[in-house]
Amino acid sequence: MLEKKILHTVVLNTERCKGCVTCMKRCPTEAIRVRHGKASVNYEKCIGCGECVRICPYHAKQAAYDAFETINDYKYKIAIPAPSLFGQFENPDIDTILNGLIAIGFDAVYEVGRGAELLSEATKIVLDQGKLAKPVISTACPAVLELILVRFSHFKPNLLNMLAPVDIAAKLAREKAIAAGVPADDIGVFFISPCPAKVFALKMGLGHNKPVVDGVLAISDIYKRLRPVLGKLENIKPLSKMGGTGLGWAASGGEAAAVFRSKYLAADGIENVINVLNAIEDNALKGLEFIELNACVSGCVGGVLNVENPFVAKARLREIKRKLPEKCNTLANEGRPLEFYLWEQEPDFKDVFRLDESRVSAMDKLLEMEKTLGTLPLVDCGMCGAPSCRAFAEDKANGIVPADYDCPRLNEKTEKSEESAEAE
């Protein structure tokens, strides 16, 4: 298993990094600094949203995921593809793609959309119980959940305490293989992921007592392996057992629509997500029962590990959905108790913005920050290598930058004023 810090973020290619501060300015948790001409990440603040991967003009950021060859560590390999995989191909046919996964080395497939259909029904039950604070906030997007854990911890009573569709699919796929006589030690369950946040969540077992998958692969990697074989397949077997409800989870609004709640809001894109969370804080979204939030634009189809334009992929999935039954998986048919779909343990809230463990020291640092802020131009230009003047003041208070390191913008103005005075 990869180390937590690698899983929780992207890997930086220092040769490609130009220190342009683009990633730093767009990071939603101010986890990135650019100093000495290169970017660096505070992994404790990183939520794995992949925004820095998406917008880096030099492709210096690379999302972490497992190599395809790791599937060979197991005798019986199960692929659990995200619904967004099916939107990556022109004129897609789900059964053809599933048969393609078998052709490239997997022994079985179990669609994540099947877990989504079961989870949709279970979510209705949980919402009807009325135990969660309103509006209930979906936790299906791990990047959004991580964002709430580090920035909006007071929303804990609002969080939907349910596993993600991939978790349900992984557990059921493994159990069904064992029931079919496959030795447990021979089974390897691999999620085909659209984003790095899901890599982290699954590797670390977010919501679980232990991880439920054995590896997480990138859709982009699987895509390039599938393309050459799809046109050569013969005797396509009917492997798909997913309805339109499960497929719909790939795009923003799919989860909320599946729950059949009229008083819901669906937002996508990390900036919009933050705006919605701020609006809830301000009590500006009264009357809502359910909120679905996706860090990526358009939902999972917008994940950085995909290859297709998210709007094109979304249109393709819409066409596929029209041909599918509404759903193929129900709680009654599966016969599992509600607890099967709930968190086994609550994720840890992270006070990563605390200045110091000691309250006295934290107060001293806060006073030092305010003093530094009083000397700064408050334009958040990024010249100092921090995303904002407040972040720069925090770095100085924490000793991340030397105490005698001054604002470059102010120094630049001082130097120009001195030059003008000398010229006169």
Protein backbone atom coordinates (compact mmCIF):
# COMPACT_ATOMS: atom_id res chain seq x y z
CA MET A 1 0.00 0.00 0.00
CA LEU A 2 1.21 3.48 -0.81
CA GLU A 3 1.95 5.84 2.04
CA LYS A 4 -0.89 8.06 3.22
CA LYS A 5 0.79 11.29 2.22
CA ILE A 6 1.31 10.09 -1.35
CA LEU A 7 -2.25 8.83 -1.57
CA HIS A 8 -3.69 12.03 -0.23
CA THR A 9 -2.40 14.21 -3.00
CA VAL A 10 -0.61 14.31 -6.32
CA VAL A 11 3.02 13.69 -7.13
CA LEU A 12 5.01 16.70 -8.30
CA ASN A 13 7.32 16.41 -11.31
CA THR A 14 9.95 18.96 -10.26
CA GLU A 15 11.51 19.07 -13.72
CA ARG A 16 8.25 20.25 -15.26
CA CYS A 17 7.26 22.61 -12.42
CA LYS A 18 8.00 26.24 -13.34
CA GLY A 19 6.84 27.77 -10.06
CA CYS A 20 4.03 29.64 -11.83
CA VAL A 21 1.69 29.71 -8.74
CA THR A 22 -1.36 28.68 -10.82
CA CYS A 23 -1.96 25.62 -8.65
CA MET A 24 -1.34 27.57 -5.47
CA LYS A 25 -3.98 30.18 -6.28
CA ARG A 26 -6.63 27.55 -7.06
CA CYS A 27 -6.11 25.17 -4.14
CA PRO A 28 -9.33 25.23 -2.06
CA THR A 29 -7.54 24.61 1.25
CA GLU A 30 -4.38 26.69 0.68
CA ALA A 31 -2.30 23.52 0.88
CA ILE A 32 0.23 24.59 -1.78
CA ARG A 33 3.22 26.93 -1.50
CA VAL A 34 5.65 27.95 -4.25
CA ARG A 35 9.11 28.79 -3.02
CA HIS A 36 12.59 28.46 -4.51
CA GLY A 37 10.93 28.13 -7.90
CA LYS A 38 8.99 24.94 -7.14
CA ALA A 39 5.60 24.03 -5.70
CA SER A 40 5.24 22.02 -2.50
CA VAL A 41 2.19 20.61 -0.73
CA ASN A 42 1.13 20.46 2.89
CA TYR A 43 -0.47 17.03 2.66
CA GLU A 44 -2.38 17.44 5.90
CA LYS A 45 -4.44 20.17 4.25
CA CYS A 46 -4.75 18.48 0.83
CA ILE A 47 -8.20 17.01 0.10
CA GLY A 48 -7.18 15.17 -3.07
CA CYS A 49 -9.59 17.10 -5.29
CA GLY A 50 -7.17 17.07 -8.23
CA GLU A 51 -7.73 20.74 -9.04
CA CYS A 52 -3.98 21.34 -9.24
CA VAL A 53 -3.65 18.45 -11.71
CA ARG A 54 -6.44 19.88 -13.82
CA ILE A 55 -5.13 23.43 -14.14
CA CYS A 56 -1.32 23.02 -14.16
CA PRO A 57 -0.22 24.45 -17.55
CA TYR A 58 3.01 22.41 -17.50
CA HIS A 59 1.46 19.07 -16.46
CA ALA A 60 3.79 18.98 -13.47
CA LYS A 61 1.17 17.37 -11.21
CA GLN A 62 0.40 13.67 -11.48
CA ALA A 63 -2.36 11.90 -9.56
CA ALA A 64 -1.37 8.84 -7.55
CA TYR A 65 -2.90 5.44 -8.39
CA ASP A 66 -1.85 1.80 -8.66
CA ALA A 67 -0.06 0.36 -11.68
CA PHE A 68 -2.17 -1.98 -13.79
CA GLU A 69 0.35 -4.78 -13.28
CA THR A 70 -0.62 -5.03 -9.60
CA ILE A 71 -3.69 -7.05 -10.60
CA ASN A 72 -1.31 -9.94 -11.31
CA ASP A 73 -0.64 -10.26 -7.58
CA TYR A 74 -3.97 -12.09 -7.34
CA LYS A 75 -5.27 -15.28 -8.96
CA TYR A 76 -8.86 -14.03 -9.23
CA LYS A 77 -9.14 -10.41 -10.31
CA ILE A 78 -12.39 -8.44 -10.07
CA ALA A 79 -12.86 -5.09 -11.82
CA ILE A 80 -15.37 -2.65 -10.34
CA PRO A 81 -15.66 0.14 -12.92
CA ALA A 82 -17.04 3.57 -12.06
CA PRO A 83 -20.08 4.57 -14.16
CA SER A 84 -18.03 7.40 -15.69
CA LEU A 85 -15.85 4.82 -17.51
CA PHE A 86 -18.68 4.13 -19.95
CA GLY A 87 -18.81 7.76 -21.05
CA GLN A 88 -15.20 7.73 -22.25
CA PHE A 89 -15.92 5.80 -25.45
CA GLU A 90 -17.65 6.88 -28.65
CA ASN A 91 -20.85 4.90 -29.27
CA PRO A 92 -20.38 3.05 -25.99
CA ASP A 93 -21.97 -0.28 -25.20
CA ILE A 94 -21.73 -1.31 -21.55
CA ASP A 95 -21.57 -5.05 -22.20
CA THR A 96 -18.81 -4.57 -24.78
CA ILE A 97 -16.74 -2.54 -22.33
CA LEU A 98 -17.28 -5.08 -19.54
CA ASN A 99 -16.24 -7.90 -21.87
CA GLY A 100 -13.20 -5.80 -22.76
CA LEU A 101 -12.20 -5.71 -19.09
CA ILE A 102 -12.26 -9.50 -19.06
CA ALA A 103 -10.16 -9.52 -22.23
CA ILE A 104 -7.40 -7.36 -20.72
CA GLY A 105 -6.93 -9.57 -17.69
CA PHE A 106 -9.82 -9.48 -15.23
CA ASP A 107 -11.75 -12.60 -14.26
CA ALA A 108 -14.99 -10.90 -13.24
CA VAL A 109 -16.68 -7.50 -13.23
CA TYR A 110 -19.10 -5.85 -10.82
CA GLU A 111 -20.41 -2.41 -11.74
CA VAL A 112 -20.21 0.38 -9.16
CA GLY A 113 -23.59 1.50 -10.47
CA ARG A 114 -25.12 -1.59 -8.89
CA GLY A 115 -23.92 -0.37 -5.51
CA ALA A 116 -25.28 3.09 -6.32
CA GLU A 117 -28.77 1.71 -6.91
CA LEU A 118 -28.76 -0.10 -3.60
CA LEU A 119 -27.37 2.95 -1.82
CA SER A 120 -30.05 5.19 -3.33
CA GLU A 121 -32.76 3.04 -1.78
CA ALA A 122 -30.94 2.81 1.54
CA THR A 123 -30.50 6.60 1.59
CA LYS A 124 -34.27 7.06 1.36
CA ILE A 125 -34.69 4.96 4.49
CA VAL A 126 -32.06 6.92 6.40
CA LEU A 127 -33.57 10.25 5.38
CA ASP A 128 -37.05 9.09 6.38
CA GLN A 129 -35.72 8.22 9.84
CA GLY A 130 -35.10 11.95 10.36
CA LYS A 131 -32.10 11.52 12.65
CA LEU A 132 -29.73 13.72 10.64
CA ALA A 133 -29.68 17.51 10.70
CA LYS A 134 -31.14 19.29 7.67
CA PRO A 135 -30.02 19.78 5.06
CA VAL A 136 -28.42 16.35 4.87
CA ILE A 137 -25.12 16.56 2.97
CA SER A 138 -24.06 13.69 0.71
CA THR A 139 -20.69 12.09 1.47
CA ALA A 140 -20.35 10.19 -1.82
CA CYS A 141 -17.63 12.54 -3.11
CA PRO A 142 -14.55 11.90 -0.93
CA ALA A 143 -12.96 15.24 -1.87
CA VAL A 144 -16.03 17.08 -0.57
CA LEU A 145 -16.06 14.94 2.55
CA GLU A 146 -12.37 15.74 3.14
CA LEU A 147 -13.10 19.43 2.58
CA ILE A 148 -15.79 19.32 5.25
CA LEU A 149 -13.50 17.41 7.60
CA VAL A 150 -10.82 20.11 7.39
CA ARG A 151 -12.81 23.32 6.87
CA PHE A 152 -16.44 22.80 7.91
CA SER A 153 -16.31 20.37 10.83
CA HIS A 154 -19.42 21.92 12.40
CA PHE A 155 -21.46 20.18 9.66
CA LYS A 156 -20.85 16.80 11.29
CA PRO A 157 -24.55 16.37 12.26
CA ASN A 158 -25.54 16.97 8.62
CA LEU A 159 -23.31 14.32 7.04
CA LEU A 160 -24.99 11.33 5.43
CA ASN A 161 -23.38 8.49 7.36
CA MET A 162 -23.37 6.04 4.46
CA LEU A 163 -20.69 4.28 2.47
CA ALA A 164 -19.96 5.25 -1.13
CA PRO A 165 -21.30 3.14 -4.03
CA VAL A 166 -17.83 1.77 -4.73
CA ASP A 167 -17.62 0.50 -1.14
CA ILE A 168 -20.89 -1.39 -1.52
CA ALA A 169 -19.86 -2.80 -4.90
CA ALA A 170 -16.48 -3.93 -3.57
CA LYS A 171 -17.97 -5.71 -0.56
CA LEU A 172 -20.64 -7.46 -2.61
CA ALA A 173 -18.22 -8.44 -5.39
CA ARG A 174 -15.86 -10.07 -2.91
CA GLU A 175 -18.66 -11.86 -1.05
CA LYS A 176 -20.17 -13.22 -4.26
CA ALA A 177 -16.79 -14.53 -5.42
CA ILE A 178 -16.27 -16.31 -2.11
CA ALA A 179 -19.81 -17.73 -2.28
CA ALA A 180 -18.95 -19.09 -5.75
CA GLY A 181 -16.06 -21.04 -4.25
CA VAL A 182 -13.10 -18.72 -4.88
CA PRO A 183 -10.62 -18.79 -1.95
CA ALA A 184 -10.62 -15.43 -0.17
CA ASP A 185 -6.83 -15.08 -0.39
CA ASP A 186 -6.97 -15.43 -4.20
CA ILE A 187 -9.35 -12.50 -4.69
CA GLY A 188 -8.17 -9.05 -5.73
CA VAL A 189 -10.80 -6.31 -6.04
CA PHE A 190 -9.78 -3.30 -8.16
CA PHE A 191 -11.70 -0.07 -8.53
CA ILE A 192 -11.35 1.80 -11.83
CA SER A 193 -11.38 5.40 -10.64
CA PRO A 194 -12.11 8.79 -12.22
CA CYS A 195 -10.29 10.82 -9.54
CA PRO A 196 -7.43 10.80 -6.99
CA ALA A 197 -9.74 11.53 -4.04
CA LYS A 198 -11.30 8.09 -4.44
CA VAL A 199 -7.82 6.56 -4.52
CA PHE A 200 -7.11 8.02 -1.09
CA ALA A 201 -10.53 7.18 0.35
CA LEU A 202 -10.39 3.55 -0.71
CA LYS A 203 -6.78 2.94 0.22
CA MET A 204 -7.27 4.39 3.68
CA GLY A 205 -10.69 2.80 4.21
CA LEU A 206 -12.62 6.05 4.68
CA GLY A 207 -15.74 5.06 6.62
CA HIS A 208 -14.49 1.49 7.05
CA ASN A 209 -12.56 -0.35 9.73
CA LYS A 210 -10.20 -1.45 6.95
CA PRO A 211 -9.93 -0.94 3.16
CA VAL A 212 -12.39 -2.91 1.01
CA VAL A 213 -10.36 -2.90 -2.21
CA ASP A 214 -6.94 -4.25 -3.07
CA GLY A 215 -6.04 -1.59 -5.60
CA VAL A 216 -7.27 1.51 -7.39
CA LEU A 217 -6.59 1.96 -11.10
CA ALA A 218 -7.01 5.06 -13.25
CA ILE A 219 -9.70 5.25 -15.92
CA SER A 220 -7.12 6.86 -18.21
CA ASP A 221 -4.83 3.83 -17.87
CA ILE A 222 -7.63 1.32 -18.41
CA TYR A 223 -8.94 3.33 -21.37
CA LYS A 224 -5.73 2.99 -23.37
CA ARG A 225 -5.73 -0.77 -22.73
CA LEU A 226 -9.37 -1.20 -23.68
CA ARG A 227 -9.34 0.77 -26.94
CA PRO A 228 -7.28 -1.76 -28.95
CA VAL A 229 -9.39 -4.78 -27.89
CA LEU A 230 -12.99 -3.52 -28.06
CA GLY A 231 -13.24 -3.84 -31.84
CA LYS A 232 -11.83 -7.36 -31.81
CA LEU A 233 -14.19 -8.92 -29.29
CA GLU A 234 -16.42 -11.81 -30.31
CA ASN A 235 -19.35 -13.42 -28.54
CA ILE A 236 -20.18 -10.47 -26.31
CA LYS A 237 -21.68 -11.84 -23.10
CA PRO A 238 -24.47 -9.94 -21.29
CA LEU A 239 -22.54 -8.96 -18.17
CA SER A 240 -24.19 -5.68 -17.19
CA LYS A 241 -26.60 -5.72 -14.26
CA MET A 242 -26.97 -1.97 -13.81
CA GLY A 243 -29.94 0.27 -14.48
CA GLY A 244 -30.20 3.92 -15.39
CA THR A 245 -30.35 4.94 -11.74
CA GLY A 246 -26.87 3.58 -11.07
CA LEU A 247 -25.41 4.97 -14.28
CA GLY A 248 -26.84 8.39 -13.45
CA TRP A 249 -24.57 8.73 -10.41
CA ALA A 250 -21.69 9.50 -12.79
CA ALA A 251 -23.00 13.04 -13.36
CA SER A 252 -23.89 15.83 -10.98
CA GLY A 253 -27.46 15.53 -9.75
CA GLY A 254 -27.65 11.79 -10.36
CA GLU A 255 -27.52 10.85 -6.71
CA ALA A 256 -30.08 13.44 -5.64
CA ALA A 257 -32.47 12.49 -8.45
CA ALA A 258 -32.18 8.81 -7.50
CA VAL A 259 -33.27 9.60 -3.94
CA PHE A 260 -36.43 11.23 -5.38
CA ARG A 261 -36.35 14.23 -3.09
CA SER A 262 -37.97 17.42 -4.34
CA LYS A 263 -36.20 19.75 -1.92
CA TYR A 264 -32.62 19.15 -2.97
CA LEU A 265 -29.68 21.03 -4.41
CA ALA A 266 -26.88 19.62 -6.56
CA ALA A 267 -23.68 21.62 -7.12
CA ASP A 268 -20.43 20.71 -8.83
CA GLY A 269 -16.99 22.30 -9.13
CA ILE A 270 -14.94 22.91 -5.99
CA GLU A 271 -15.52 26.68 -5.94
CA ASN A 272 -19.29 26.20 -6.21
CA VAL A 273 -19.15 23.56 -3.48
CA ILE A 274 -17.42 26.01 -1.12
CA ASN A 275 -19.97 28.69 -1.96
CA VAL A 276 -22.81 26.32 -1.12
CA LEU A 277 -21.22 25.31 2.19
CA ASN A 278 -20.72 28.97 3.05
CA ALA A 279 -24.36 29.63 2.20
CA ILE A 280 -25.45 26.86 4.59
CA GLU A 281 -23.32 28.47 7.28
CA ASP A 282 -25.09 31.77 6.65
CA ASN A 283 -28.49 30.04 6.87
CA ALA A 284 -29.23 31.17 3.33
CA LEU A 285 -30.49 27.79 2.06
CA LYS A 286 -33.60 27.26 4.13
CA GLY A 287 -36.06 24.51 3.31
CA LEU A 288 -33.60 22.14 1.64
CA GLU A 289 -33.62 18.50 2.72
CA PHE A 290 -30.70 17.11 0.77
CA ILE A 291 -27.54 18.53 -0.82
CA GLU A 292 -25.37 16.67 -3.32
CA LEU A 293 -21.91 18.15 -3.82
CA ASN A 294 -19.25 17.08 -6.31
CA ALA A 295 -15.74 18.55 -6.35
CA CYS A 296 -15.36 18.00 -10.11
CA VAL A 297 -17.27 19.97 -12.71
CA SER A 298 -20.22 17.88 -13.96
CA GLY A 299 -19.59 15.28 -11.26
CA CYS A 300 -17.47 12.14 -11.57
CA VAL A 301 -17.33 12.46 -15.36
CA GLY A 302 -15.19 15.55 -14.69
CA GLY A 303 -12.56 13.67 -12.67
CA VAL A 304 -8.94 14.27 -13.68
CA LEU A 305 -8.29 10.56 -14.25
CA ASN A 306 -10.81 10.50 -17.10
CA VAL A 307 -9.80 11.13 -20.72
CA GLU A 308 -12.96 12.55 -22.30
CA ASN A 309 -14.39 16.05 -22.00
CA PRO A 310 -16.90 15.85 -19.12
CA PHE A 311 -19.73 17.40 -21.10
CA VAL A 312 -19.23 14.96 -23.97
CA ALA A 313 -19.08 12.04 -21.52
CA LYS A 314 -22.22 13.26 -19.79
CA ALA A 315 -24.10 13.41 -23.10
CA ARG A 316 -23.01 9.87 -23.97
CA LEU A 317 -24.17 8.55 -20.61
CA ARG A 318 -27.51 10.25 -21.09
CA GLU A 319 -27.99 8.32 -24.35
CA ILE A 320 -27.02 5.03 -22.70
CA LYS A 321 -29.38 5.69 -19.80
CA ARG A 322 -32.35 6.01 -22.14
CA LYS A 323 -31.89 2.37 -23.19
CA LEU A 324 -31.59 0.96 -19.68
CA PRO A 325 -34.28 -0.10 -17.21
CA GLU A 326 -34.75 2.31 -14.32
CA LYS A 327 -32.88 0.02 -11.92
CA CYS A 328 -31.81 -3.59 -11.63
CA ASN A 329 -30.76 -3.80 -7.99
CA THR A 330 -33.01 -3.51 -4.93
CA LEU A 331 -32.55 -3.90 -1.20
CA ALA A 332 -35.20 -6.61 -1.14
CA ASN A 333 -33.36 -8.72 -3.71
CA GLU A 334 -30.00 -8.25 -2.00
CA GLY A 335 -31.36 -9.03 1.46
CA ARG A 336 -28.87 -7.00 3.52
CA PRO A 337 -29.63 -5.09 6.72
CA LEU A 338 -29.44 -1.31 6.60
CA GLU A 339 -26.21 -1.42 8.65
CA PHE A 340 -24.46 -3.00 5.65
CA TYR A 341 -24.67 0.39 3.90
CA LEU A 342 -23.69 2.61 6.82
CA TRP A 343 -20.26 3.83 7.94
CA GLU A 344 -18.47 1.29 10.09
CA GLN A 345 -16.67 4.20 11.76
CA GLU A 346 -16.96 7.95 11.43
CA PRO A 347 -14.15 9.71 9.56
CA ASP A 348 -11.83 11.79 11.71
CA PHE A 349 -12.32 15.54 11.72
CA LYS A 350 -9.00 17.33 11.22
CA ASP A 351 -8.12 20.61 12.86
CA VAL A 352 -5.37 21.29 10.34
CA PHE A 353 -5.72 25.07 10.62
CA ARG A 354 -4.92 25.14 14.33
CA LEU A 355 -1.86 27.31 14.87
CA ASP A 356 -0.50 25.33 17.81
CA GLU A 357 -1.39 22.51 20.20
CA SER A 358 -0.96 24.91 23.10
CA ARG A 359 -3.74 27.48 23.35
CA VAL A 360 -1.32 30.07 24.77
CA SER A 361 1.14 29.55 21.92
CA ALA A 362 -1.70 29.65 19.41
CA MET A 363 -2.82 33.01 20.79
CA ASP A 364 0.73 34.35 20.58
CA LYS A 365 0.96 33.24 16.96
CA LEU A 366 -2.41 34.77 16.18
CA LEU A 367 -1.26 38.11 17.58
CA GLU A 368 1.92 37.84 15.53
CA MET A 369 -0.16 37.10 12.44
CA GLU A 370 -2.35 40.15 12.99
CA LYS A 371 0.74 42.30 13.46
CA THR A 372 2.24 41.03 10.20
CA LEU A 373 -1.05 41.50 8.36
CA GLY A 374 -1.05 45.15 9.40
CA THR A 375 2.11 45.65 7.35
CA LEU A 376 0.93 43.83 4.20
CA PRO A 377 -0.85 45.27 1.13
CA LEU A 378 -3.65 42.63 1.37
CA VAL A 379 -3.79 42.08 -2.39
CA ASP A 380 -3.07 38.32 -2.31
CA CYS A 381 -0.69 38.56 -5.26
CA GLY A 382 1.24 35.35 -4.47
CA MET A 383 4.70 36.90 -5.00
CA CYS A 384 5.76 35.63 -1.56
CA GLY A 385 4.96 32.02 -2.48
CA ALA A 386 1.79 31.87 -0.35
CA PRO A 387 -1.75 32.02 -1.78
CA SER A 388 -2.83 34.99 0.34
CA CYS A 389 -1.45 37.65 2.64
CA ARG A 390 -3.06 35.87 5.59
CA ALA A 391 -1.38 32.60 4.57
CA PHE A 392 1.96 34.43 4.36
CA ALA A 393 1.42 35.87 7.84
CA GLU A 394 0.58 32.38 9.11
CA ASP A 395 3.75 30.97 7.52
CA LYS A 396 5.81 33.62 9.29
CA ALA A 397 4.13 32.94 12.62
CA ASN A 398 4.80 29.21 12.22
CA GLY A 399 8.42 29.75 11.24
CA ILE A 400 7.93 28.29 7.77
CA VAL A 401 9.53 31.41 6.32
CA PRO A 402 12.24 33.39 8.15
CA ALA A 403 11.07 36.18 10.42
CA ASP A 404 13.17 38.69 8.45
CA TYR A 405 11.63 37.67 5.10
CA ASP A 406 9.49 40.60 4.01
CA CYS A 407 6.71 40.97 1.48
CA PRO A 408 8.33 41.05 -2.02
CA ARG A 409 5.65 43.42 -3.30
CA LEU A 410 6.43 45.97 -0.59
CA ASN A 411 10.16 45.56 -1.18
CA GLU A 412 9.62 46.13 -4.89
CA LYS A 413 7.74 49.38 -4.20
CA THR A 414 10.40 50.51 -1.73
CA GLU A 415 13.17 49.88 -4.24
CA LYS A 416 11.32 51.80 -6.96
CA SER A 417 10.73 54.73 -4.59
CA GLU A 418 14.42 54.80 -3.68
CA GLU A 419 15.41 54.73 -7.34
CA SER A 420 13.03 57.61 -8.11
CA ALA A 421 14.42 59.63 -5.21
CA GLU A 422 17.99 59.08 -6.42
CA ALA A 423 17.04 60.12 -9.95
CA GLU A 424 15.63 63.41 -8.66
